[in-house]
Amino acid sequence: MQVPDTIFREYDIRGTVGDQLTGAVAHAIGKAFATFAAARLGRAPRIAVGRDNRPSGADLAANVLSGIEDAGAFALFVGSVPTPALYFATHTLTVDGGLQVTGSHNPPEFNGFKMVLEGGAIHGEDIKLLHRSIVEDRTPDRAGGSRTTHGDVLDGYRKAIVARNGPLPRRVKVVVDCGNGVASLVAVETLRTLGADVVPLKRRVYVAASLLTAAAVAVSGVIGFVGLVVPHAMRTLWGHRHRPLLPASFVGGGALLALSDTVARVAVAPRELPVGIVTALIGVPVFALMLRRWSAT
């Protein structure tokens, strides 16, 4: 099987999904790693497999598991976990090593694989050996392979962190931004159990709040344009005297911005509800006054 040698790096295997990394490539990597581990151990290995939460991870992990099984090894799927949790699993479960499907810090079109065996990372010449065994077709099928699932790794990982590091000597307030990463499954609850006051950033809410603020800016601009142009146009066409609404439109635009800020505050940090209420109590009447003045001119 031909696989690009450029994806076999010093400490991991990494490439773009769909061209460099496919289901067939993932199957071959799982099979090659299991074959490598069997040669190192002198017996069929037991390998834990985890993945991050990239959309491509589910298919790649399924093919890795199939490759490990086809090599005659035992594959233990531990689900969506951070890479350190996979390493934790290799020390606390009855396995010889582990393989994590993860793109790490790379853009979403990437994914990859990190491997450990007997407590040490697979890197350097060992990763190059995996590549050669694939392209030279030295990963035969072997009978006796199997797989199963273990769903309690995250709970044990969280408890181990708390037991080793908690409780905190003093209560602290922390803001957690998991950047849509798989650490979001464990970070917030772990920090709270340690004794921290946690404010988790909600990416979807922030996107919505940003869109709301942008809309408020746009509407205030339109109001300003209408308040400046329409009265003068009416006076020119029909001789009516209308007071320019520009000052009121600026106030109305400010009210809209205050309202969007209120929504953002309350959505992201519910404890700031009092601040949001005060902002709304000031912003809404001003906005209503602006509309009344607009309709009266």
Foldseek 3Di string as FASTA:
>chain_A
DDADPVQLAFFWGKDFPPPRDDLVVLLLLLLLVQVVQCVVVVHRFEEEEEEKPQPVTVSSRVSSLVSSQQLQHEYEYAYHDPPVLQLVCCVVPPGFKYKYWANPPDDSRMIIIWIDGNNGTQGDPSSVVSNVCSVVVVRHGDPNGYYDYDHCSLVVVLVVCLVVDAQDPDEEEDEDEPVPIRCVVRPPVSVVSSRYHYQYADVVLVVVLVVQLVVLQVVLVVLLVCLAPVQVVCCVPPVDHDDRLNVLSNLLSVLSNLQSVLSSCCVRPVVCNVVSVVSNVVSVVSNVVSVVSVVVD
